[in-house]
C-alpha atoms as a PDB file:
ATOM      1  CA  MET A   1      89.740  57.918  51.854  1.00  0.00           C
ATOM      2  CA  ARG A   2      91.776  57.624  55.135  1.00  0.00           C
ATOM      3  CA  VAL A   3      90.984  60.200  57.838  1.00  0.00           C
ATOM      4  CA  GLU A   4      93.248  60.770  60.948  1.00  0.00           C
ATOM      5  CA  PHE A   5      92.429  62.369  63.813  1.00  0.00           C
ATOM      6  CA  VAL A   6      95.270  64.500  65.512  1.00  0.00           C
ATOM      7  CA  THR A   7      95.309  65.016  69.220  1.00  0.00           C
ATOM      8  CA  PRO A   8      97.181  68.118  69.923  1.00  0.00           C
ATOM      9  CA  VAL A   9     100.191  67.778  72.385  1.00  0.00           C
ATOM     10  CA  TYR A  10     100.711  70.285  75.300  1.00  0.00           C
ATOM     11  CA  VAL A  11     104.311  70.379  76.181  1.00  0.00           C
ATOM     12  CA  PHE A  12     105.028  71.777  79.752  1.00  0.00           C
ATOM     13  CA  SER A  13     108.303  72.926  80.519  1.00  0.00           C
ATOM     14  CA  ARG A  14     109.529  72.719  84.392  1.00  0.00           C
ATOM     15  CA  ASP A  15     108.689  76.714  84.616  1.00  0.00           C
ATOM     16  CA  ALA A  16     105.092  77.278  85.154  1.00  0.00           C
ATOM     17  CA  GLU A  17     105.110  80.366  82.900  1.00  0.00           C
ATOM     18  CA  ARG A  18     106.563  78.669  79.947  1.00  0.00           C
ATOM     19  CA  CYS A  19     104.932  76.153  77.864  1.00  0.00           C
ATOM     20  CA  SER A  20     104.880  75.431  74.203  1.00  0.00           C
ATOM     21  CA  LEU A  21     101.226  75.073  72.495  1.00  0.00           C
ATOM     22  CA  PRO A  22     100.048  75.405  69.029  1.00  0.00           C
ATOM     23  CA  PRO A  23      99.396  78.957  68.122  1.00  0.00           C
ATOM     24  CA  ALA A  24      95.567  78.120  67.720  1.00  0.00           C
ATOM     25  CA  PHE A  25      95.128  77.203  71.194  1.00  0.00           C
ATOM     26  CA  PRO A  26      94.814  79.576  74.435  1.00  0.00           C
ATOM     27  CA  SER A  27      97.303  80.108  76.622  1.00  0.00           C
ATOM     28  CA  CYS A  28      98.628  78.096  79.687  1.00  0.00           C
ATOM     29  CA  SER A  29      97.059  80.970  81.899  1.00  0.00           C
ATOM     30  CA  LEU A  30      93.842  80.453  80.853  1.00  0.00           C
ATOM     31  CA  ILE A  31      94.398  76.579  80.947  1.00  0.00           C
ATOM     32  CA  ARG A  32      95.305  76.924  84.736  1.00  0.00           C
ATOM     33  CA  ALA A  33      92.614  79.210  85.390  1.00  0.00           C
ATOM     34  CA  PHE A  34      89.968  76.972  83.885  1.00  0.00           C
ATOM     35  CA  ARG A  35      91.454  73.813  85.923  1.00  0.00           C
ATOM     36  CA  THR A  36      91.154  75.778  88.919  1.00  0.00           C
ATOM     37  CA  HIS A  37      87.517  76.844  88.279  1.00  0.00           C
ATOM     38  CA  GLN A  38      86.571  72.970  87.849  1.00  0.00           C
ATOM     39  CA  ARG A  39      88.191  72.252  91.306  1.00  0.00           C
ATOM     40  CA  ASN A  40      86.404  74.904  92.915  1.00  0.00           C
ATOM     41  CA  VAL A  41      83.193  74.763  91.259  1.00  0.00           C
ATOM     42  CA  LEU A  42      80.084  73.398  93.581  1.00  0.00           C
ATOM     43  CA  ILE A  43      78.085  70.703  92.321  1.00  0.00           C
ATOM     44  CA  PHE A  44      74.573  71.120  93.790  1.00  0.00           C
ATOM     45  CA  PRO A  45      71.688  68.341  93.830  1.00  0.00           C
ATOM     46  CA  PRO A  46      68.465  68.693  91.774  1.00  0.00           C
ATOM     47  CA  ARG A  47      65.847  70.114  93.737  1.00  0.00           C
ATOM     48  CA  ARG A  48      63.928  67.091  93.637  1.00  0.00           C
ATOM     49  CA  PRO A  49      64.301  63.840  91.593  1.00  0.00           C
ATOM     50  CA  PHE A  50      63.050  63.802  88.165  1.00  0.00           C
ATOM     51  CA  GLY A  51      59.198  62.817  88.215  1.00  0.00           C
ATOM     52  CA  GLY A  52      59.205  62.873  91.935  1.00  0.00           C
ATOM     53  CA  GLN A  53      56.626  64.304  94.360  1.00  0.00           C
ATOM     54  CA  ARG A  54      56.437  68.029  95.033  1.00  0.00           C
ATOM     55  CA  THR A  55      57.498  68.905  98.606  1.00  0.00           C
ATOM     56  CA  ASP A  56      55.304  71.917  98.613  1.00  0.00           C
ATOM     57  CA  SER A  57      52.594  71.176 101.516  1.00  0.00           C
ATOM     58  CA  ARG A  58      50.812  74.505 101.436  1.00  0.00           C
ATOM     59  CA  ASP A  59      47.009  74.031 101.272  1.00  0.00           C
ATOM     60  CA  PHE A  60      45.468  76.341  98.552  1.00  0.00           C
ATOM     61  CA  GLY A  61      41.927  75.126  99.386  1.00  0.00           C
ATOM     62  CA  PRO A  62      39.533  73.971  97.012  1.00  0.00           C
ATOM     63  CA  ARG A  63      39.582  74.970  93.401  1.00  0.00           C
ATOM     64  CA  VAL A  64      37.399  77.882  92.810  1.00  0.00           C
ATOM     65  CA  ASN A  65      35.879  79.269  89.285  1.00  0.00           C
ATOM     66  CA  ASP A  66      38.856  79.265  86.627  1.00  0.00           C
ATOM     67  CA  ARG A  67      40.797  76.957  88.492  1.00  0.00           C
ATOM     68  CA  ILE A  68      38.311  74.159  87.905  1.00  0.00           C
ATOM     69  CA  ARG A  69      39.655  72.459  84.455  1.00  0.00           C
ATOM     70  CA  ILE A  70      37.867  69.168  84.146  1.00  0.00           C
ATOM     71  CA  THR A  71      34.564  69.344  82.145  1.00  0.00           C
ATOM     72  CA  PRO A  72      31.621  68.255  82.651  1.00  0.00           C
ATOM     73  CA  ILE A  73      30.940  68.504  86.217  1.00  0.00           C
ATOM     74  CA  ARG A  74      28.034  67.588  88.539  1.00  0.00           C
ATOM     75  CA  LEU A  75      26.499  70.853  89.424  1.00  0.00           C
ATOM     76  CA  ILE A  76      24.776  71.683  92.948  1.00  0.00           C
ATOM     77  CA  ASP A  77      23.064  75.210  93.203  1.00  0.00           C
ATOM     78  CA  GLU A  78      23.195  77.346  96.311  1.00  0.00           C
ATOM     79  CA  ALA A  79      20.176  75.763  97.769  1.00  0.00           C
ATOM     80  CA  GLY A  80      21.702  72.511  97.666  1.00  0.00           C
ATOM     81  CA  GLU A  81      19.693  70.800  95.136  1.00  0.00           C
ATOM     82  CA  MET A  82      21.316  68.880  92.346  1.00  0.00           C
ATOM     83  CA  ILE A  83      21.137  70.726  88.986  1.00  0.00           C
ATOM     84  CA  GLY A  84      22.899  67.540  86.889  1.00  0.00           C
ATOM     85  CA  VAL A  85      25.882  66.833  84.760  1.00  0.00           C
ATOM     86  CA  ILE A  86      26.391  70.070  82.436  1.00  0.00           C
ATOM     87  CA  GLU A  87      29.528  71.531  80.820  1.00  0.00           C
ATOM     88  CA  LEU A  88      31.937  73.655  82.768  1.00  0.00           C
ATOM     89  CA  ASP A  89      31.193  76.624  80.616  1.00  0.00           C
ATOM     90  CA  GLU A  90      27.728  76.622  80.999  1.00  0.00           C
ATOM     91  CA  ALA A  91      28.146  76.262  84.793  1.00  0.00           C
ATOM     92  CA  ARG A  92      30.123  79.207  84.710  1.00  0.00           C
ATOM     93  CA  LYS A  93      27.473  81.224  82.846  1.00  0.00           C
ATOM     94  CA  LEU A  94      24.842  80.351  85.388  1.00  0.00           C
ATOM     95  CA  ALA A  95      26.921  81.179  88.342  1.00  0.00           C
ATOM     96  CA  HIS A  96      27.746  84.550  86.706  1.00  0.00           C
ATOM     97  CA  GLU A  97      24.320  85.337  86.395  1.00  0.00           C
ATOM     98  CA  LYS A  98      23.461  84.699  89.772  1.00  0.00           C
ATOM     99  CA  GLY A  99      26.764  86.536  91.264  1.00  0.00           C
ATOM    100  CA  LEU A 100      27.821  83.356  92.651  1.00  0.00           C
ATOM    101  CA  ASP A 101      31.184  81.156  92.792  1.00  0.00           C
ATOM    102  CA  LEU A 102      31.839  77.820  91.339  1.00  0.00           C
ATOM    103  CA  VAL A 103      33.471  75.635  94.120  1.00  0.00           C
ATOM    104  CA  GLU A 104      34.712  72.147  93.605  1.00  0.00           C
ATOM    105  CA  ILE A 105      33.693  70.184  96.742  1.00  0.00           C
ATOM    106  CA  ALA A 106      34.581  66.660  95.504  1.00  0.00           C
ATOM    107  CA  ALA A 107      37.472  66.882  93.260  1.00  0.00           C
ATOM    108  CA  ASP A 108      38.109  63.004  93.506  1.00  0.00           C
ATOM    109  CA  SER A 109      34.780  61.987  91.917  1.00  0.00           C
ATOM    110  CA  ARG A 110      33.976  61.734  88.408  1.00  0.00           C
ATOM    111  CA  PRO A 111      32.513  64.104  87.181  1.00  0.00           C
ATOM    112  CA  PRO A 112      33.747  66.372  90.082  1.00  0.00           C
ATOM    113  CA  VAL A 113      30.950  67.924  92.411  1.00  0.00           C
ATOM    114  CA  VAL A 114      30.782  71.506  91.997  1.00  0.00           C
ATOM    115  CA  LYS A 115      28.163  73.653  94.295  1.00  0.00           C
ATOM    116  CA  MET A 116      27.734  77.395  93.466  1.00  0.00           C
ATOM    117  CA  MET A 117      27.875  79.732  96.429  1.00  0.00           C
ATOM    118  CA  ASP A 118      29.372  82.717  97.570  1.00  0.00           C
ATOM    119  CA  PHE A 119      33.024  82.042  98.503  1.00  0.00           C
ATOM    120  CA  GLY A 120      33.909  84.580 100.335  1.00  0.00           C
ATOM    121  CA  ARG A 121      31.101  84.510 102.621  1.00  0.00           C
ATOM    122  CA  PHE A 122      31.605  80.614 102.942  1.00  0.00           C
ATOM    123  CA  LYS A 123      35.365  81.417 103.934  1.00  0.00           C
ATOM    124  CA  TYR A 124      34.422  84.131 106.455  1.00  0.00           C
ATOM    125  CA  GLU A 125      32.003  81.406 108.198  1.00  0.00           C
ATOM    126  CA  SER A 126      34.389  78.694 108.208  1.00  0.00           C
ATOM    127  CA  SER A 127      37.341  80.723 109.941  1.00  0.00           C
ATOM    128  CA  LYS A 128      34.560  81.793 112.617  1.00  0.00           C
ATOM    129  CA  LYS A 129      33.492  78.201 113.273  1.00  0.00           C
ATOM    130  CA  GLU A 130      37.143  77.505 113.248  1.00  0.00           C
ATOM    131  CA  ARG A 131      38.100  80.168 116.084  1.00  0.00           C
ATOM    132  CA  ALA A 132      34.943  79.171 118.071  1.00  0.00           C
ATOM    133  CA  ASN A 133      36.211  75.559 118.004  1.00  0.00           C
ATOM    134  CA  LYS A 134      39.692  76.648 119.290  1.00  0.00           C
ATOM    135  CA  ALA A 135      38.140  78.610 122.084  1.00  0.00           C
ATOM    136  CA  ARG A 136      35.747  76.003 123.103  1.00  0.00           C
ATOM    137  CA  ASN A 137      38.882  73.535 123.010  1.00  0.00           C
ATOM    138  CA  LYS A 138      41.132  75.825 124.968  1.00  0.00           C
ATOM    139  CA  VAL A 139      43.145  73.899 127.445  1.00  0.00           C
ATOM    140  CA  SER A 140      42.860  75.631 130.925  1.00  0.00           C
ATOM    141  CA  GLU A 141      46.601  76.664 132.497  1.00  0.00           C
ATOM    142  CA  MET A 142      47.284  76.654 136.280  1.00  0.00           C
ATOM    143  CA  LYS A 143      48.233  80.466 137.089  1.00  0.00           C
ATOM    144  CA  GLU A 144      49.907  81.489 140.326  1.00  0.00           C
ATOM    145  CA  VAL A 145      49.167  84.576 142.076  1.00  0.00           C
ATOM    146  CA  ARG A 146      51.676  85.167 145.169  1.00  0.00           C
ATOM    147  CA  LEU A 147      50.226  87.684 147.981  1.00  0.00           C
ATOM    148  CA  GLY A 148      53.898  89.242 148.569  1.00  0.00           C
ATOM    149  CA  ARG A 149      56.934  87.415 150.122  1.00  0.00           C
ATOM    150  CA  SER A 150      55.301  87.596 153.606  1.00  0.00           C
ATOM    151  CA  MET A 151      52.263  88.739 155.402  1.00  0.00           C
ATOM    152  CA  LYS A 152      53.620  92.184 155.512  1.00  0.00           C
ATOM    153  CA  ILE A 153      51.812  93.451 152.251  1.00  0.00           C
ATOM    154  CA  ASP A 154      49.508  96.460 151.960  1.00  0.00           C
ATOM    155  CA  PRO A 155      45.665  95.811 151.511  1.00  0.00           C
ATOM    156  CA  HIS A 156      45.752  97.524 148.288  1.00  0.00           C
ATOM    157  CA  ASP A 157      48.231  95.327 146.933  1.00  0.00           C
ATOM    158  CA  VAL A 158      46.219  92.210 148.077  1.00  0.00           C
ATOM    159  CA  GLY A 159      43.311  93.896 146.192  1.00  0.00           C
ATOM    160  CA  ILE A 160      45.515  93.920 143.038  1.00  0.00           C
ATOM    161  CA  ARG A 161      46.542  90.210 143.569  1.00  0.00           C
ATOM    162  CA  VAL A 162      42.719  89.441 143.927  1.00  0.00           C
ATOM    163  CA  ALA A 163      41.639  91.452 140.378  1.00  0.00           C
ATOM    164  CA  GLN A 164      44.230  89.430 138.801  1.00  0.00           C
ATOM    165  CA  ALA A 165      42.927  86.454 139.930  1.00  0.00           C
ATOM    166  CA  ARG A 166      39.604  87.189 138.596  1.00  0.00           C
ATOM    167  CA  ARG A 167      40.694  87.853 135.227  1.00  0.00           C
ATOM    168  CA  PHE A 168      42.455  84.419 135.064  1.00  0.00           C
ATOM    169  CA  LEU A 169      39.253  82.876 136.255  1.00  0.00           C
ATOM    170  CA  ILE A 170      37.080  84.733 133.557  1.00  0.00           C
ATOM    171  CA  GLU A 171      39.607  83.675 131.071  1.00  0.00           C
ATOM    172  CA  GLY A 172      38.839  79.940 132.249  1.00  0.00           C
ATOM    173  CA  HIS A 173      42.267  79.260 134.205  1.00  0.00           C
ATOM    174  CA  ARG A 174      42.995  77.586 137.440  1.00  0.00           C
ATOM    175  CA  VAL A 175      44.318  80.077 139.916  1.00  0.00           C
ATOM    176  CA  GLN A 176      46.826  78.801 142.592  1.00  0.00           C
ATOM    177  CA  ILE A 177      47.031  81.441 145.493  1.00  0.00           C
ATOM    178  CA  VAL A 178      50.009  81.379 147.583  1.00  0.00           C
ATOM    179  CA  GLN A 179      50.525  83.179 151.145  1.00  0.00           C
ATOM    180  CA  ASN A 180      54.283  82.941 152.059  1.00  0.00           C
ATOM    181  CA  PHE A 181      55.398  83.317 155.851  1.00  0.00           C
ATOM    182  CA  ARG A 182      58.838  84.774 157.046  1.00  0.00           C
ATOM    183  CA  GLY A 183      60.645  84.686 160.329  1.00  0.00           C
ATOM    184  CA  ARG A 184      58.287  84.905 163.243  1.00  0.00           C
ATOM    185  CA  GLU A 185      54.961  84.732 161.284  1.00  0.00           C
ATOM    186  CA  MET A 186      54.780  81.218 161.471  1.00  0.00           C
ATOM    187  CA  ALA A 187      53.379  81.690 165.022  1.00  0.00           C
ATOM    188  CA  HIS A 188      50.413  83.615 163.725  1.00  0.00           C
ATOM    189  CA  ARG A 189      49.574  81.409 160.651  1.00  0.00           C
ATOM    190  CA  HIS A 190      45.662  81.974 161.398  1.00  0.00           C
ATOM    191  CA  ARG A 191      46.346  85.588 160.013  1.00  0.00           C
ATOM    192  CA  GLY A 192      47.226  84.028 156.601  1.00  0.00           C
ATOM    193  CA  GLU A 193      44.186  81.732 157.032  1.00  0.00           C
ATOM    194  CA  ASP A 194      42.079  84.592 157.515  1.00  0.00           C
ATOM    195  CA  ARG A 195      43.274  86.344 154.457  1.00  0.00           C
ATOM    196  CA  MET A 196      42.654  83.104 152.278  1.00  0.00           C
ATOM    197  CA  ASP A 197      39.043  83.078 153.720  1.00  0.00           C
ATOM    198  CA  ASP A 198      38.552  86.652 152.714  1.00  0.00           C
ATOM    199  CA  ILE A 199      39.874  85.897 149.329  1.00  0.00           C
ATOM    200  CA  ILE A 200      37.457  82.857 148.897  1.00  0.00           C
ATOM    201  CA  THR A 201      34.569  85.050 149.748  1.00  0.00           C
ATOM    202  CA  SER A 202      35.781  87.681 147.198  1.00  0.00           C
ATOM    203  CA  LEU A 203      36.108  85.260 144.360  1.00  0.00           C
ATOM    204  CA  SER A 204      32.824  83.229 145.184  1.00  0.00           C
ATOM    205  CA  ASP A 205      30.722  84.945 142.450  1.00  0.00           C
ATOM    206  CA  LEU A 206      33.024  83.099 139.838  1.00  0.00           C
ATOM    207  CA  ALA A 207      34.971  80.171 141.328  1.00  0.00           C
ATOM    208  CA  LYS A 208      35.042  77.398 143.840  1.00  0.00           C
ATOM    209  CA  VAL A 209      37.468  75.835 145.883  1.00  0.00           C
ATOM    210  CA  GLU A 210      39.469  72.699 144.319  1.00  0.00           C
ATOM    211  CA  MET A 211      42.004  72.616 147.074  1.00  0.00           C
ATOM    212  CA  SER A 212      41.541  74.178 150.189  1.00  0.00           C
ATOM    213  CA  PRO A 213      43.934  76.056 152.149  1.00  0.00           C
ATOM    214  CA  ARG A 214      47.066  73.860 152.821  1.00  0.00           C
ATOM    215  CA  LEU A 215      50.360  74.629 154.765  1.00  0.00           C
ATOM    216  CA  ASN A 216      53.612  73.308 153.073  1.00  0.00           C
ATOM    217  CA  GLY A 217      56.741  74.489 154.661  1.00  0.00           C
ATOM    218  CA  ARG A 218      56.055  78.422 155.005  1.00  0.00           C
ATOM    219  CA  ARG A 219      53.913  78.480 151.985  1.00  0.00           C
ATOM    220  CA  LEU A 220      50.051  78.311 152.408  1.00  0.00           C
ATOM    221  CA  THR A 221      48.459  77.411 149.258  1.00  0.00           C
ATOM    222  CA  MET A 222      45.028  76.941 147.809  1.00  0.00           C
ATOM    223  CA  VAL A 223      43.661  76.344 144.224  1.00  0.00           C
ATOM    224  CA  MET A 224      40.296  77.872 142.779  1.00  0.00           C
ATOM    225  CA  VAL A 225      38.561  76.686 139.657  1.00  0.00           C
ATOM    226  CA  PRO A 226      36.082  78.845 137.388  1.00  0.00           C
ATOM    227  CA  GLU A 227      32.450  77.641 137.439  1.00  0.00           C
ATOM    228  CA  ARG A 228      31.102  78.085 134.055  1.00  0.00           C
ATOM    229  CA  GLN A 229      27.599  79.169 135.144  1.00  0.00           C
ATOM    230  CA  LYS A 230      28.678  81.791 137.351  1.00  0.00           C
ATOM    231  CA  ILE A 231      31.109  83.328 134.621  1.00  0.00           C
ATOM    232  CA  GLU A 232      28.284  83.197 132.040  1.00  0.00           C
ATOM    233  CA  ALA A 233      25.809  85.016 134.317  1.00  0.00           C
ATOM    234  CA  TRP A 234      28.903  87.541 135.207  1.00  0.00           C
ATOM    235  CA  LYS A 235      29.230  88.142 131.521  1.00  0.00           C
ATOM    236  CA  ARG A 236      25.872  88.528 130.892  1.00  0.00           C
ATOM    237  CA  LYS A 237      25.675  91.053 133.664  1.00  0.00           C
ATOM    238  CA  MET A 238      28.506  93.225 132.407  1.00  0.00           C
ATOM    239  CA  ILE A 239      26.885  93.291 128.942  1.00  0.00           C
ATOM    240  CA  ALA A 240      23.775  94.518 130.285  1.00  0.00           C
ATOM    241  CA  GLU A 241      25.260  97.003 132.257  1.00  0.00           C
ATOM    242  CA  GLY A 242      27.631  98.209 129.010  1.00  0.00           C
ATOM    243  CA  LYS A 243      30.817  97.249 130.705  1.00  0.00           C
ATOM    244  CA  PRO A 244      33.540  95.201 129.162  1.00  0.00           C
ATOM    245  CA  ILE A 245      33.718  91.533 129.667  1.00  0.00           C
ATOM    246  CA  LEU A 246      37.088  91.320 130.744  1.00  0.00           C
ATOM    247  CA  PRO A 247      37.839  94.616 132.688  1.00  0.00           C
ATOM    248  CA  SER A 248      41.487  95.976 133.401  1.00  0.00           C
ATOM    249  CA  VAL A 249      42.700  95.403 137.065  1.00  0.00           C
ATOM    250  CA  PRO A 250      42.312  99.077 138.175  1.00  0.00           C
ATOM    251  CA  GLU A 251      38.530  98.894 137.196  1.00  0.00           C
ATOM    252  CA  MET A 252      38.286  95.635 138.957  1.00  0.00           C
ATOM    253  CA  ILE A 253      39.733  97.199 142.247  1.00  0.00           C
ATOM    254  CA  GLU A 254      37.530 100.301 141.964  1.00  0.00           C
ATOM    255  CA  GLU A 255      34.540  97.923 141.528  1.00  0.00           C
ATOM    256  CA  MET A 256      35.475  96.022 144.674  1.00  0.00           C
ATOM    257  CA  ASP A 257      36.221  99.198 146.744  1.00  0.00           C
ATOM    258  CA  HIS A 258      32.713 100.268 145.593  1.00  0.00           C
ATOM    259  CA  ASP A 259      31.150  97.082 146.776  1.00  0.00           C
ATOM    260  CA  ASP A 260      32.894  97.234 149.889  1.00  0.00           C
ATOM    261  CA  ASP A 261      31.589 101.113 150.732  1.00  0.00           C
ATOM    262  CA  ASP A 262      28.057  99.843 149.838  1.00  0.00           C
ATOM    263  CA  ASP A 263      28.352  96.560 152.335  1.00  0.00           C
ATOM    264  CA  SER A 264      29.617  99.388 155.196  1.00  0.00           C
ATOM    265  CA  ASP A 265      26.729 101.791 154.310  1.00  0.00           C
ATOM    266  CA  ASP A 266      24.496  98.654 155.053  1.00  0.00           C
END
């Protein structure tokens, strides 16, 4: 038996709207639309190669409770004592009776090591330790406090800037204090030096001088660094008096004014 395959022949005339097709095939307009769609279609690459590694870098933490799949496991109780190698269902039953969670602490070993613990409390303590480590390893910055554009600055404004410097020192930052001179004020540089000495005295309970006042052009600058022991003693004093450890600038100014009044009474 001989079978012949006949390929349909499309005869297009010069007129784009006229063409001769067998009656069983679609019209020329549909064919043109399909070809236009093929030219305009966008071919997107696959999300990842077949069998490749996933690019999701999120850390979901250790496997807990129902996320643990491998059995048997090596179980450790909440006191840190080894129970032994048991089936996963039995370990879940023991944890449920004690109201604890199963946390996989060594997933690569076989059998995996699982410990019974309060996972919510464990996460809280871990985050608390992490925050403490970040606070301990916090890098100090250099903060600049300018005493106005010239020597013509009100004493109250000087007090505001000194209070801001105190806040920086309590936070553990180094502070650079700058006094600018304008015009003929350079002939009275001793007034700026006296002002710097007053600031050193007012901040001596928290910091020490790292760089003594130096004149660079029309700028008189000095650097003060916090002393850890003095700051810790000051914080304990604030806690004992029921005051905030890091008071606002107006509160600091009020306290400094109160101390000045006490000194004048003496």
